């Protein structure tokens, strides 16, 4: 079973992502802020982190940069999940070495496709 971390400060978004992916073969972890996301990613080593950009404590860019900059977690795939669509945000995502950038609102089918694309279909 593959492990996935959903980090978003909005419970509704986490619930939607969880419901979309739990039918597939994933163990799903959840974090409601950047610090919790970083702690869980370091302790649980998920294969993928779906990371909101705008969160309390640390934002998604800071979490991604910390994960990618640490040899113990640099292999974890990070997809930034955000309502921010500006080119500057996408450039910053590339700068912090995010594996992909996925915008909200999203369809569950598109999210499943993105996760399969990033991780490789099971």
PDB file of N, CA and C in Angstrom:
ATOM      1  N   UNK A   1       0.842  -1.194   0.000  1.00  0.00           N
ATOM      2  CA  UNK A   1       0.000   0.000   0.000  1.00  0.00           C
ATOM      3  C   UNK A   1       0.878   1.245   0.000  1.00  0.00           C
ATOM      4  N   UNK A   2       0.517   2.191  -0.867  1.00  0.00           N
ATOM      5  CA  UNK A   2       1.292   3.418  -0.952  1.00  0.00           C
ATOM      6  C   UNK A   2       0.767   4.453   0.037  1.00  0.00           C
ATOM      7  N   UNK A   3       1.689   5.229   0.575  1.00  0.00           N
ATOM      8  CA  UNK A   3       1.355   6.213   1.598  1.00  0.00           C
ATOM      9  C   UNK A   3       1.326   7.602   0.970  1.00  0.00           C
ATOM     10  N   UNK A   4       0.289   8.358   1.315  1.00  0.00           N
ATOM     11  CA  UNK A   4       0.087   9.674   0.743  1.00  0.00           C
ATOM     12  C   UNK A   4      -0.251  10.657   1.860  1.00  0.00           C
ATOM     13  N   UNK A   5       0.326  11.845   1.830  1.00  0.00           N
ATOM     14  CA  UNK A   5       0.051  12.878   2.824  1.00  0.00           C
ATOM     15  C   UNK A   5      -0.693  14.022   2.146  1.00  0.00           C
ATOM     16  N   UNK A   6      -1.850  14.369   2.701  1.00  0.00           N
ATOM     17  CA  UNK A   6      -2.629  15.515   2.246  1.00  0.00           C
ATOM     18  C   UNK A   6      -2.405  16.629   3.266  1.00  0.00           C
ATOM     19  N   UNK A   7      -1.861  17.761   2.806  1.00  0.00           N
ATOM     20  CA  UNK A   7      -1.630  18.884   3.702  1.00  0.00           C
ATOM     21  C   UNK A   7      -2.422  20.083   3.189  1.00  0.00           C
ATOM     22  N   UNK A   8      -3.475  20.432   3.910  1.00  0.00           N
ATOM     23  CA  UNK A   8      -4.316  21.568   3.540  1.00  0.00           C
ATOM     24  C   UNK A   8      -4.990  22.061   4.810  1.00  0.00           C
ATOM     25  N   UNK A   9      -5.076  23.376   4.967  1.00  0.00           N
ATOM     26  CA  UNK A   9      -5.696  23.909   6.182  1.00  0.00           C
ATOM     27  C   UNK A   9      -7.219  23.882   6.102  1.00  0.00           C
ATOM     28  N   UNK A  10      -7.783  23.535   4.965  1.00  0.00           N
ATOM     29  CA  UNK A  10      -9.238  23.439   4.830  1.00  0.00           C
ATOM     30  C   UNK A  10      -9.676  21.978   4.936  1.00  0.00           C
ATOM     31  N   UNK A  11     -10.451  21.676   5.975  1.00  0.00           N
ATOM     32  CA  UNK A  11     -10.929  20.315   6.211  1.00  0.00           C
ATOM     33  C   UNK A  11     -11.706  19.782   5.006  1.00  0.00           C
ATOM     34  N   UNK A  12     -12.502  20.633   4.366  1.00  0.00           N
ATOM     35  CA  UNK A  12     -13.304  20.202   3.224  1.00  0.00           C
ATOM     36  C   UNK A  12     -12.448  19.723   2.066  1.00  0.00           C
ATOM     37  N   UNK A  13     -11.341  20.398   1.830  1.00  0.00           N
ATOM     38  CA  UNK A  13     -10.434  19.987   0.751  1.00  0.00           C
ATOM     39  C   UNK A  13      -9.780  18.657   1.105  1.00  0.00           C
ATOM     40  N   UNK A  14      -9.323  18.526   2.362  1.00  0.00           N
ATOM     41  CA  UNK A  14      -8.716  17.250   2.785  1.00  0.00           C
ATOM     42  C   UNK A  14      -9.719  16.111   2.647  1.00  0.00           C
ATOM     43  N   UNK A  15     -10.973  16.357   3.027  1.00  0.00           N
ATOM     44  CA  UNK A  15     -12.012  15.326   2.935  1.00  0.00           C
ATOM     45  C   UNK A  15     -12.256  14.924   1.479  1.00  0.00           C
ATOM     46  N   UNK A  16     -12.315  15.899   0.585  1.00  0.00           N
ATOM     47  CA  UNK A  16     -12.535  15.603  -0.829  1.00  0.00           C
ATOM     48  C   UNK A  16     -11.381  14.771  -1.391  1.00  0.00           C
ATOM     49  N   UNK A  17     -10.156  15.174  -1.069  1.00  0.00           N
ATOM     50  CA  UNK A  17      -8.987  14.436  -1.566  1.00  0.00           C
ATOM     51  C   UNK A  17      -8.978  13.024  -0.982  1.00  0.00           C
ATOM     52  N   UNK A  18      -9.260  12.913   0.323  1.00  0.00           N
ATOM     53  CA  UNK A  18      -9.292  11.602   0.982  1.00  0.00           C
ATOM     54  C   UNK A  18     -10.338  10.696   0.333  1.00  0.00           C
ATOM     55  N   UNK A  19     -11.544  11.221   0.121  1.00  0.00           N
ATOM     56  CA  UNK A  19     -12.608  10.406  -0.482  1.00  0.00           C
ATOM     57  C   UNK A  19     -12.248  10.010  -1.915  1.00  0.00           C
ATOM     58  N   UNK A  20     -11.568  10.897  -2.626  1.00  0.00           N
ATOM     59  CA  UNK A  20     -11.171  10.612  -4.008  1.00  0.00           C
ATOM     60  C   UNK A  20     -10.147   9.486  -4.065  1.00  0.00           C
ATOM     61  N   UNK A  21      -9.213   9.494  -3.118  1.00  0.00           N
ATOM     62  CA  UNK A  21      -8.083   8.564  -3.200  1.00  0.00           C
ATOM     63  C   UNK A  21      -8.212   7.316  -2.335  1.00  0.00           C
ATOM     64  N   UNK A  22      -9.073   7.319  -1.325  1.00  0.00           N
ATOM     65  CA  UNK A  22      -9.104   6.174  -0.418  1.00  0.00           C
ATOM     66  C   UNK A  22      -9.621   4.909  -1.084  1.00  0.00           C
ATOM     67  N   UNK A  23     -10.372   5.054  -2.162  1.00  0.00           N
ATOM     68  CA  UNK A  23     -10.839   3.856  -2.859  1.00  0.00           C
ATOM     69  C   UNK A  23      -9.681   3.178  -3.590  1.00  0.00           C
ATOM     70  N   UNK A  24      -8.685   3.977  -3.984  1.00  0.00           N
ATOM     71  CA  UNK A  24      -7.473   3.391  -4.541  1.00  0.00           C
ATOM     72  C   UNK A  24      -6.666   2.841  -3.376  1.00  0.00           C
ATOM     73  N   UNK A  25      -5.545   2.268  -3.659  1.00  0.00           N
ATOM     74  CA  UNK A  25      -4.799   1.569  -2.623  1.00  0.00           C
ATOM     75  C   UNK A  25      -3.798   2.485  -1.917  1.00  0.00           C
ATOM     76  N   UNK A  26      -4.319   3.457  -1.152  1.00  0.00           N
ATOM     77  CA  UNK A  26      -3.459   4.411  -0.458  1.00  0.00           C
ATOM     78  C   UNK A  26      -3.732   4.416   1.028  1.00  0.00           C
ATOM     79  N   UNK A  27      -2.673   4.532   1.795  1.00  0.00           N
ATOM     80  CA  UNK A  27      -2.802   4.869   3.211  1.00  0.00           C
ATOM     81  C   UNK A  27      -2.707   6.380   3.247  1.00  0.00           C
ATOM     82  N   UNK A  28      -3.726   7.041   3.795  1.00  0.00           N
ATOM     83  CA  UNK A  28      -3.795   8.492   3.722  1.00  0.00           C
ATOM     84  C   UNK A  28      -3.541   9.131   5.079  1.00  0.00           C
ATOM     85  N   UNK A  29      -2.564  10.036   5.096  1.00  0.00           N
ATOM     86  CA  UNK A  29      -2.230  10.833   6.274  1.00  0.00           C
ATOM     87  C   UNK A  29      -2.707  12.252   6.013  1.00  0.00           C
ATOM     88  N   UNK A  30      -3.006  12.998   7.077  1.00  0.00           N
ATOM     89  CA  UNK A  30      -3.491  14.365   6.901  1.00  0.00           C
ATOM     90  C   UNK A  30      -2.786  15.327   7.832  1.00  0.00           C
ATOM     91  N   UNK A  31      -2.549  16.544   7.305  1.00  0.00           N
ATOM     92  CA  UNK A  31      -1.975  17.622   8.103  1.00  0.00           C
ATOM     93  C   UNK A  31      -2.763  18.891   7.809  1.00  0.00           C
ATOM     94  N   UNK A  32      -2.949  19.724   8.846  1.00  0.00           N
ATOM     95  CA  UNK A  32      -3.734  20.942   8.660  1.00  0.00           C
ATOM     96  C   UNK A  32      -2.884  22.209   8.604  1.00  0.00           C
ATOM     97  N   UNK A  33      -1.565  22.067   8.772  1.00  0.00           N
ATOM     98  CA  UNK A  33      -0.685  23.223   8.620  1.00  0.00           C
ATOM     99  C   UNK A  33       0.700  22.750   8.160  1.00  0.00           C
ATOM    100  N   UNK A  34       1.531  23.705   7.799  1.00  0.00           N
ATOM    101  CA  UNK A  34       2.830  23.380   7.238  1.00  0.00           C
ATOM    102  C   UNK A  34       3.769  22.653   8.183  1.00  0.00           C
ATOM    103  N   UNK A  35       3.778  23.055   9.446  1.00  0.00           N
ATOM    104  CA  UNK A  35       4.671  22.387  10.408  1.00  0.00           C
ATOM    105  C   UNK A  35       4.281  20.929  10.604  1.00  0.00           C
ATOM    106  N   UNK A  36       2.977  20.677  10.723  1.00  0.00           N
ATOM    107  CA  UNK A  36       2.489  19.310  10.877  1.00  0.00           C
ATOM    108  C   UNK A  36       2.818  18.488   9.625  1.00  0.00           C
ATOM    109  N   UNK A  37       2.676  19.102   8.463  1.00  0.00           N
ATOM    110  CA  UNK A  37       2.984  18.410   7.203  1.00  0.00           C
ATOM    111  C   UNK A  37       4.456  18.003   7.164  1.00  0.00           C
ATOM    112  N   UNK A  38       5.332  18.906   7.536  1.00  0.00           N
ATOM    113  CA  UNK A  38       6.767  18.623   7.526  1.00  0.00           C
ATOM    114  C   UNK A  38       7.109  17.518   8.530  1.00  0.00           C
ATOM    115  N   UNK A  39       6.534  17.600   9.725  1.00  0.00           N
ATOM    116  CA  UNK A  39       6.785  16.581  10.757  1.00  0.00           C
ATOM    117  C   UNK A  39       6.307  15.200  10.291  1.00  0.00           C
ATOM    118  N   UNK A  40       5.081  15.140   9.751  1.00  0.00           N
ATOM    119  CA  UNK A  40       4.542  13.857   9.290  1.00  0.00           C
ATOM    120  C   UNK A  40       5.338  13.299   8.106  1.00  0.00           C
ATOM    121  N   UNK A  41       5.716  14.169   7.181  1.00  0.00           N
ATOM    122  CA  UNK A  41       6.491  13.708   6.021  1.00  0.00           C
ATOM    123  C   UNK A  41       7.829  13.123   6.476  1.00  0.00           C
ATOM    124  N   UNK A  42       8.454  13.757   7.449  1.00  0.00           N
ATOM    125  CA  UNK A  42       9.750  13.266   7.940  1.00  0.00           C
ATOM    126  C   UNK A  42       9.619  11.965   8.721  1.00  0.00           C
ATOM    127  N   UNK A  43       8.525  11.799   9.464  1.00  0.00           N
ATOM    128  CA  UNK A  43       8.388  10.589  10.279  1.00  0.00           C
ATOM    129  C   UNK A  43       7.772   9.417   9.514  1.00  0.00           C
ATOM    130  N   UNK A  44       6.870   9.697   8.574  1.00  0.00           N
ATOM    131  CA  UNK A  44       6.140   8.636   7.877  1.00  0.00           C
ATOM    132  C   UNK A  44       6.680   8.315   6.484  1.00  0.00           C
ATOM    133  N   UNK A  45       7.450   9.241   5.891  1.00  0.00           N
ATOM    134  CA  UNK A  45       8.030   9.071   4.558  1.00  0.00           C
ATOM    135  C   UNK A  45       7.019   8.574   3.508  1.00  0.00           C
ATOM    136  N   UNK A  46       5.991   9.388   3.245  1.00  0.00           N
ATOM    137  CA  UNK A  46       5.016   9.000   2.219  1.00  0.00           C
ATOM    138  C   UNK A  46       5.657   9.032   0.832  1.00  0.00           C
ATOM    139  N   UNK A  47       5.027   8.349  -0.115  1.00  0.00           N
ATOM    140  CA  UNK A  47       5.527   8.402  -1.491  1.00  0.00           C
ATOM    141  C   UNK A  47       5.174   9.741  -2.145  1.00  0.00           C
ATOM    142  N   UNK A  48       4.076  10.356  -1.670  1.00  0.00           N
ATOM    143  CA  UNK A  48       3.593  11.595  -2.273  1.00  0.00           C
ATOM    144  C   UNK A  48       3.005  12.501  -1.213  1.00  0.00           C
ATOM    145  N   UNK A  49       3.279  13.812  -1.359  1.00  0.00           N
ATOM    146  CA  UNK A  49       2.644  14.833  -0.528  1.00  0.00           C
ATOM    147  C   UNK A  49       1.847  15.746  -1.452  1.00  0.00           C
ATOM    148  N   UNK A  50       0.537  15.848  -1.194  1.00  0.00           N
ATOM    149  CA  UNK A  50      -0.311  16.833  -1.865  1.00  0.00           C
ATOM    150  C   UNK A  50      -0.355  18.030  -0.926  1.00  0.00           C
ATOM    151  N   UNK A  51       0.231  19.130  -1.356  1.00  0.00           N
ATOM    152  CA  UNK A  51       0.560  20.220  -0.447  1.00  0.00           C
ATOM    153  C   UNK A  51      -0.091  21.527  -0.872  1.00  0.00           C
ATOM    154  N   UNK A  52      -0.978  22.047  -0.027  1.00  0.00           N
ATOM    155  CA  UNK A  52      -1.571  23.358  -0.274  1.00  0.00           C
ATOM    156  C   UNK A  52      -0.472  24.406  -0.143  1.00  0.00           C
ATOM    157  N   UNK A  53      -0.554  25.464  -0.929  1.00  0.00           N
ATOM    158  CA  UNK A  53       0.451  26.521  -0.840  1.00  0.00           C
ATOM    159  C   UNK A  53       0.163  27.445   0.337  1.00  0.00           C
ATOM    160  N   UNK A  54      -1.086  27.855   0.503  1.00  0.00           N
ATOM    161  CA  UNK A  54      -1.435  28.834   1.535  1.00  0.00           C
ATOM    162  C   UNK A  54      -1.908  28.120   2.800  1.00  0.00           C
ATOM    163  N   UNK A  55      -0.981  28.001   3.767  1.00  0.00           N
ATOM    164  CA  UNK A  55      -1.298  27.335   5.038  1.00  0.00           C
ATOM    165  C   UNK A  55      -0.657  28.099   6.188  1.00  0.00           C
ATOM    166  N   UNK A  56      -1.189  27.903   7.408  1.00  0.00           N
ATOM    167  CA  UNK A  56      -0.566  28.520   8.579  1.00  0.00           C
ATOM    168  C   UNK A  56       0.782  27.859   8.911  1.00  0.00           C
ATOM    169  N   UNK A  57       1.533  28.520   9.739  1.00  0.00           N
ATOM    170  CA  UNK A  57       2.862  28.090  10.197  1.00  0.00           C
ATOM    171  C   UNK A  57       3.866  28.194   9.053  1.00  0.00           C
ATOM    172  N   UNK A  58       3.978  27.168   8.244  1.00  0.00           N
ATOM    173  CA  UNK A  58       4.846  27.198   7.062  1.00  0.00           C
ATOM    174  C   UNK A  58       3.961  27.083   5.835  1.00  0.00           C
ATOM    175  N   UNK A  59       4.266  27.844   4.773  1.00  0.00           N
ATOM    176  CA  UNK A  59       3.453  27.672   3.568  1.00  0.00           C
ATOM    177  C   UNK A  59       3.985  26.484   2.759  1.00  0.00           C
ATOM    178  N   UNK A  60       3.231  26.105   1.726  1.00  0.00           N
ATOM    179  CA  UNK A  60       3.590  24.938   0.939  1.00  0.00           C
ATOM    180  C   UNK A  60       4.956  25.054   0.270  1.00  0.00           C
ATOM    181  N   UNK A  61       5.320  26.267  -0.149  1.00  0.00           N
ATOM    182  CA  UNK A  61       6.636  26.454  -0.763  1.00  0.00           C
ATOM    183  C   UNK A  61       7.742  26.141   0.242  1.00  0.00           C
ATOM    184  N   UNK A  62       7.578  26.627   1.486  1.00  0.00           N
ATOM    185  CA  UNK A  62       8.584  26.384   2.527  1.00  0.00           C
ATOM    186  C   UNK A  62       8.685  24.904   2.871  1.00  0.00           C
ATOM    187  N   UNK A  63       7.543  24.229   2.961  1.00  0.00           N
ATOM    188  CA  UNK A  63       7.539  22.794   3.264  1.00  0.00           C
ATOM    189  C   UNK A  63       8.227  22.024   2.141  1.00  0.00           C
ATOM    190  N   UNK A  64       7.874  22.341   0.901  1.00  0.00           N
ATOM    191  CA  UNK A  64       8.477  21.649  -0.243  1.00  0.00           C
ATOM    192  C   UNK A  64       9.991  21.859  -0.266  1.00  0.00           C
ATOM    193  N   UNK A  65      10.417  23.092  -0.063  1.00  0.00           N
ATOM    194  CA  UNK A  65      11.856  23.401  -0.065  1.00  0.00           C
ATOM    195  C   UNK A  65      12.579  22.609   1.024  1.00  0.00           C
ATOM    196  N   UNK A  66      11.969  22.516   2.216  1.00  0.00           N
ATOM    197  CA  UNK A  66      12.577  21.768   3.317  1.00  0.00           C
ATOM    198  C   UNK A  66      12.665  20.280   2.986  1.00  0.00           C
ATOM    199  N   UNK A  67      11.596  19.725   2.405  1.00  0.00           N
ATOM    200  CA  UNK A  67      11.595  18.297   2.061  1.00  0.00           C
ATOM    201  C   UNK A  67      12.626  17.988   0.978  1.00  0.00           C
ATOM    202  N   UNK A  68      12.657  18.807  -0.055  1.00  0.00           N
ATOM    203  CA  UNK A  68      13.565  18.555  -1.180  1.00  0.00           C
ATOM    204  C   UNK A  68      15.025  18.829  -0.805  1.00  0.00           C
ATOM    205  N   UNK A  69      15.229  19.659   0.221  1.00  0.00           N
ATOM    206  CA  UNK A  69      16.585  19.994   0.648  1.00  0.00           C
ATOM    207  C   UNK A  69      17.177  19.028   1.663  1.00  0.00           C
ATOM    208  N   UNK A  70      16.419  18.031   2.073  1.00  0.00           N
ATOM    209  CA  UNK A  70      16.854  17.069   3.089  1.00  0.00           C
ATOM    210  C   UNK A  70      17.029  15.706   2.413  1.00  0.00           C
ATOM    211  N   UNK A  71      18.214  15.135   2.520  1.00  0.00           N
ATOM    212  CA  UNK A  71      18.496  13.854   1.857  1.00  0.00           C
ATOM    213  C   UNK A  71      17.515  12.753   2.274  1.00  0.00           C
ATOM    214  N   UNK A  72      17.006  12.816   3.508  1.00  0.00           N
ATOM    215  CA  UNK A  72      16.092  11.784   3.995  1.00  0.00           C
ATOM    216  C   UNK A  72      14.708  11.875   3.351  1.00  0.00           C
ATOM    217  N   UNK A  73      14.346  13.057   2.822  1.00  0.00           N
ATOM    218  CA  UNK A  73      13.007  13.235   2.277  1.00  0.00           C
ATOM    219  C   UNK A  73      12.999  13.752   0.827  1.00  0.00           C
ATOM    220  N   UNK A  74      14.152  13.954   0.247  1.00  0.00           N
ATOM    221  CA  UNK A  74      14.209  14.558  -1.096  1.00  0.00           C
ATOM    222  C   UNK A  74      13.565  13.682  -2.173  1.00  0.00           C
ATOM    223  N   UNK A  75      13.437  12.372  -1.903  1.00  0.00           N
ATOM    224  CA  UNK A  75      12.831  11.453  -2.878  1.00  0.00           C
ATOM    225  C   UNK A  75      11.301  11.516  -2.892  1.00  0.00           C
ATOM    226  N   UNK A  76      10.689  12.129  -1.889  1.00  0.00           N
ATOM    227  CA  UNK A  76       9.231  12.193  -1.804  1.00  0.00           C
ATOM    228  C   UNK A  76       8.701  13.113  -2.904  1.00  0.00           C
ATOM    229  N   UNK A  77       7.733  12.611  -3.659  1.00  0.00           N
ATOM    230  CA  UNK A  77       7.101  13.436  -4.690  1.00  0.00           C
ATOM    231  C   UNK A  77       6.200  14.469  -4.017  1.00  0.00           C
ATOM    232  N   UNK A  78       6.292  15.713  -4.481  1.00  0.00           N
ATOM    233  CA  UNK A  78       5.479  16.797  -3.927  1.00  0.00           C
ATOM    234  C   UNK A  78       4.682  17.440  -5.052  1.00  0.00           C
ATOM    235  N   UNK A  79       3.359  17.451  -4.884  1.00  0.00           N
ATOM    236  CA  UNK A  79       2.476  18.148  -5.816  1.00  0.00           C
ATOM    237  C   UNK A  79       1.837  19.294  -5.039  1.00  0.00           C
ATOM    238  N   UNK A  80       2.096  20.513  -5.482  1.00  0.00           N
ATOM    239  CA  UNK A  80       1.469  21.669  -4.858  1.00  0.00           C
ATOM    240  C   UNK A  80       0.036  21.754  -5.376  1.00  0.00           C
ATOM    241  N   UNK A  81      -0.892  21.846  -4.445  1.00  0.00           N
ATOM    242  CA  UNK A  81      -2.322  21.847  -4.736  1.00  0.00           C
ATOM    243  C   UNK A  81      -2.832  23.219  -4.314  1.00  0.00           C
ATOM    244  N   UNK A  82      -3.147  24.092  -5.278  1.00  0.00           N
ATOM    245  CA  UNK A  82      -3.388  25.472  -4.913  1.00  0.00           C
ATOM    246  C   UNK A  82      -4.380  26.181  -5.819  1.00  0.00           C
ATOM    247  N   UNK A  83      -5.008  27.213  -5.272  1.00  0.00           N
ATOM    248  CA  UNK A  83      -5.893  28.066  -6.068  1.00  0.00           C
ATOM    249  C   UNK A  83      -5.077  29.159  -6.772  1.00  0.00           C
ATOM    250  N   UNK A  84      -3.803  29.267  -6.425  1.00  0.00           N
ATOM    251  CA  UNK A  84      -2.950  30.312  -7.015  1.00  0.00           C
ATOM    252  C   UNK A  84      -2.487  29.874  -8.403  1.00  0.00           C
ATOM    253  N   UNK A  85      -2.846  30.667  -9.407  1.00  0.00           N
ATOM    254  CA  UNK A  85      -2.561  30.277 -10.788  1.00  0.00           C
ATOM    255  C   UNK A  85      -1.558  31.202 -11.487  1.00  0.00           C
ATOM    256  N   UNK A  86      -1.000  32.177 -10.770  1.00  0.00           N
ATOM    257  CA  UNK A  86      -0.075  33.115 -11.389  1.00  0.00           C
ATOM    258  C   UNK A  86       1.224  32.422 -11.816  1.00  0.00           C
ATOM    259  N   UNK A  87       1.807  32.924 -12.892  1.00  0.00           N
ATOM    260  CA  UNK A  87       3.079  32.388 -13.391  1.00  0.00           C
ATOM    261  C   UNK A  87       4.161  32.476 -12.323  1.00  0.00           C
ATOM    262  N   UNK A  88       4.145  33.527 -11.516  1.00  0.00           N
ATOM    263  CA  UNK A  88       5.159  33.689 -10.466  1.00  0.00           C
ATOM    264  C   UNK A  88       5.082  32.547  -9.452  1.00  0.00           C
ATOM    265  N   UNK A  89       3.854  32.112  -9.131  1.00  0.00           N
ATOM    266  CA  UNK A  89       3.686  30.996  -8.198  1.00  0.00           C
ATOM    267  C   UNK A  89       4.193  29.696  -8.824  1.00  0.00           C
ATOM    268  N   UNK A  90       3.918  29.516 -10.100  1.00  0.00           N
ATOM    269  CA  UNK A  90       4.395  28.313 -10.786  1.00  0.00           C
ATOM    270  C   UNK A  90       5.927  28.318 -10.878  1.00  0.00           C
ATOM    271  N   UNK A  91       6.492  29.488 -11.083  1.00  0.00           N
ATOM    272  CA  UNK A  91       7.954  29.605 -11.128  1.00  0.00           C
ATOM    273  C   UNK A  91       8.551  29.291  -9.755  1.00  0.00           C
ATOM    274  N   UNK A  92       7.896  29.772  -8.701  1.00  0.00           N
ATOM    275  CA  UNK A  92       8.381  29.499  -7.347  1.00  0.00           C
ATOM    276  C   UNK A  92       8.282  28.002  -7.037  1.00  0.00           C
ATOM    277  N   UNK A  93       7.235  27.344  -7.543  1.00  0.00           N
ATOM    278  CA  UNK A  93       7.082  25.897  -7.355  1.00  0.00           C
ATOM    279  C   UNK A  93       8.273  25.172  -7.984  1.00  0.00           C
ATOM    280  N   UNK A  94       8.662  25.602  -9.176  1.00  0.00           N
ATOM    281  CA  UNK A  94       9.823  24.991  -9.837  1.00  0.00           C
ATOM    282  C   UNK A  94      11.099  25.270  -9.046  1.00  0.00           C
ATOM    283  N   UNK A  95      11.194  26.466  -8.517  1.00  0.00           N
ATOM    284  CA  UNK A  95      12.375  26.859  -7.732  1.00  0.00           C
ATOM    285  C   UNK A  95      12.554  25.984  -6.485  1.00  0.00           C
ATOM    286  N   UNK A  96      11.454  25.611  -5.834  1.00  0.00           N
ATOM    287  CA  UNK A  96      11.539  24.772  -4.626  1.00  0.00           C
ATOM    288  C   UNK A  96      11.488  23.283  -4.975  1.00  0.00           C
ATOM    289  N   UNK A  97      11.576  22.969  -6.255  1.00  0.00           N
ATOM    290  CA  UNK A  97      11.667  21.604  -6.775  1.00  0.00           C
ATOM    291  C   UNK A  97      10.406  20.767  -6.583  1.00  0.00           C
ATOM    292  N   UNK A  98       9.239  21.426  -6.627  1.00  0.00           N
ATOM    293  CA  UNK A  98       7.981  20.668  -6.590  1.00  0.00           C
ATOM    294  C   UNK A  98       7.926  19.786  -7.833  1.00  0.00           C
ATOM    295  N   UNK A  99       7.389  18.590  -7.669  1.00  0.00           N
ATOM    296  CA  UNK A  99       7.288  17.664  -8.795  1.00  0.00           C
ATOM    297  C   UNK A  99       6.170  18.053  -9.757  1.00  0.00           C
ATOM    298  N   UNK A 100       5.157  18.744  -9.228  1.00  0.00           N
ATOM    299  CA  UNK A 100       4.068  19.175 -10.092  1.00  0.00           C
ATOM    300  C   UNK A 100       3.282  20.272  -9.384  1.00  0.00           C
ATOM    301  N   UNK A 101       2.385  20.904 -10.145  1.00  0.00           N
ATOM    302  CA  UNK A 101       1.583  22.029  -9.678  1.00  0.00           C
ATOM    303  C   UNK A 101       0.170  21.773 -10.172  1.00  0.00           C
ATOM    304  N   UNK A 102      -0.783  21.676  -9.266  1.00  0.00           N
ATOM    305  CA  UNK A 102      -2.146  21.297  -9.613  1.00  0.00           C
ATOM    306  C   UNK A 102      -3.092  22.338  -9.030  1.00  0.00           C
ATOM    307  N   UNK A 103      -3.956  22.910  -9.857  1.00  0.00           N
ATOM    308  CA  UNK A 103      -4.774  24.014  -9.374  1.00  0.00           C
ATOM    309  C   UNK A 103      -6.171  23.585  -8.926  1.00  0.00           C
ATOM    310  N   UNK A 104      -6.651  24.300  -7.902  1.00  0.00           N
ATOM    311  CA  UNK A 104      -8.011  24.148  -7.393  1.00  0.00           C
ATOM    312  C   UNK A 104      -8.877  25.166  -8.129  1.00  0.00           C
ATOM    313  N   UNK A 105     -10.160  24.939  -8.285  1.00  0.00           N
ATOM    314  CA  UNK A 105     -10.840  23.683  -7.963  1.00  0.00           C
ATOM    315  C   UNK A 105     -10.452  22.613  -8.973  1.00  0.00           C
ATOM    316  N   UNK A 106     -10.570  21.364  -8.558  1.00  0.00           N
ATOM    317  CA  UNK A 106     -10.174  20.259  -9.428  1.00  0.00           C
ATOM    318  C   UNK A 106     -11.262  19.200  -9.414  1.00  0.00           C
ATOM    319  N   UNK A 107     -11.268  18.399 -10.465  1.00  0.00           N
ATOM    320  CA  UNK A 107     -12.218  17.286 -10.479  1.00  0.00           C
ATOM    321  C   UNK A 107     -11.518  16.079  -9.849  1.00  0.00           C
ATOM    322  N   UNK A 108     -12.249  15.250  -9.138  1.00  0.00           N
ATOM    323  CA  UNK A 108     -11.651  14.051  -8.554  1.00  0.00           C
ATOM    324  C   UNK A 108     -10.956  13.169  -9.596  1.00  0.00           C
ATOM    325  N   UNK A 109     -11.538  13.062 -10.780  1.00  0.00           N
ATOM    326  CA  UNK A 109     -10.941  12.233 -11.833  1.00  0.00           C
ATOM    327  C   UNK A 109      -9.588  12.808 -12.260  1.00  0.00           C
ATOM    328  N   UNK A 110      -9.515  14.138 -12.393  1.00  0.00           N
ATOM    329  CA  UNK A 110      -8.255  14.782 -12.768  1.00  0.00           C
ATOM    330  C   UNK A 110      -7.207  14.591 -11.670  1.00  0.00           C
ATOM    331  N   UNK A 111      -7.640  14.649 -10.407  1.00  0.00           N
ATOM    332  CA  UNK A 111      -6.703  14.436  -9.303  1.00  0.00           C
ATOM    333  C   UNK A 111      -6.158  13.008  -9.313  1.00  0.00           C
ATOM    334  N   UNK A 112      -7.032  12.036  -9.501  1.00  0.00           N
ATOM    335  CA  UNK A 112      -6.584  10.640  -9.585  1.00  0.00           C
ATOM    336  C   UNK A 112      -5.573  10.463 -10.721  1.00  0.00           C
ATOM    337  N   UNK A 113      -5.855  11.072 -11.857  1.00  0.00           N
ATOM    338  CA  UNK A 113      -4.938  10.987 -12.999  1.00  0.00           C
ATOM    339  C   UNK A 113      -3.591  11.606 -12.669  1.00  0.00           C
ATOM    340  N   UNK A 114      -3.604  12.760 -11.970  1.00  0.00           N
ATOM    341  CA  UNK A 114      -2.361  13.446 -11.607  1.00  0.00           C
ATOM    342  C   UNK A 114      -1.539  12.575 -10.654  1.00  0.00           C
ATOM    343  N   UNK A 115      -2.201  11.994  -9.658  1.00  0.00           N
ATOM    344  CA  UNK A 115      -1.494  11.143  -8.688  1.00  0.00           C
ATOM    345  C   UNK A 115      -0.882   9.936  -9.406  1.00  0.00           C
ATOM    346  N   UNK A 116      -1.646   9.313 -10.285  1.00  0.00           N
ATOM    347  CA  UNK A 116      -1.124   8.179 -11.053  1.00  0.00           C
ATOM    348  C   UNK A 116       0.037   8.597 -11.943  1.00  0.00           C
ATOM    349  N   UNK A 117      -0.065   9.783 -12.543  1.00  0.00           N
ATOM    350  CA  UNK A 117       1.001  10.293 -13.399  1.00  0.00           C
ATOM    351  C   UNK A 117       2.287  10.519 -12.617  1.00  0.00           C
ATOM    352  N   UNK A 118       2.166  11.139 -11.445  1.00  0.00           N
ATOM    353  CA  UNK A 118       3.341  11.450 -10.627  1.00  0.00           C
ATOM    354  C   UNK A 118       3.973  10.189 -10.032  1.00  0.00           C
ATOM    355  N   UNK A 119       3.137   9.284  -9.539  1.00  0.00           N
ATOM    356  CA  UNK A 119       3.647   8.078  -8.872  1.00  0.00           C
ATOM    357  C   UNK A 119       3.860   6.912  -9.829  1.00  0.00           C
ATOM    358  N   UNK A 120       3.232   6.995 -10.985  1.00  0.00           N
ATOM    359  CA  UNK A 120       3.218   5.812 -11.863  1.00  0.00           C
ATOM    360  C   UNK A 120       2.060   4.954 -11.404  1.00  0.00           C
ATOM    361  N   UNK A 121       1.213   4.568 -12.316  1.00  0.00           N
ATOM    362  CA  UNK A 121       0.036   3.770 -11.960  1.00  0.00           C
ATOM    363  C   UNK A 121       0.453   2.493 -11.232  1.00  0.00           C
ATOM    364  N   UNK A 122      -0.337   2.080 -10.231  1.00  0.00           N
ATOM    365  CA  UNK A 122       0.043   0.884  -9.449  1.00  0.00           C
ATOM    366  C   UNK A 122       0.045  -0.392 -10.276  1.00  0.00           C
TER     367      UNK A 122
END
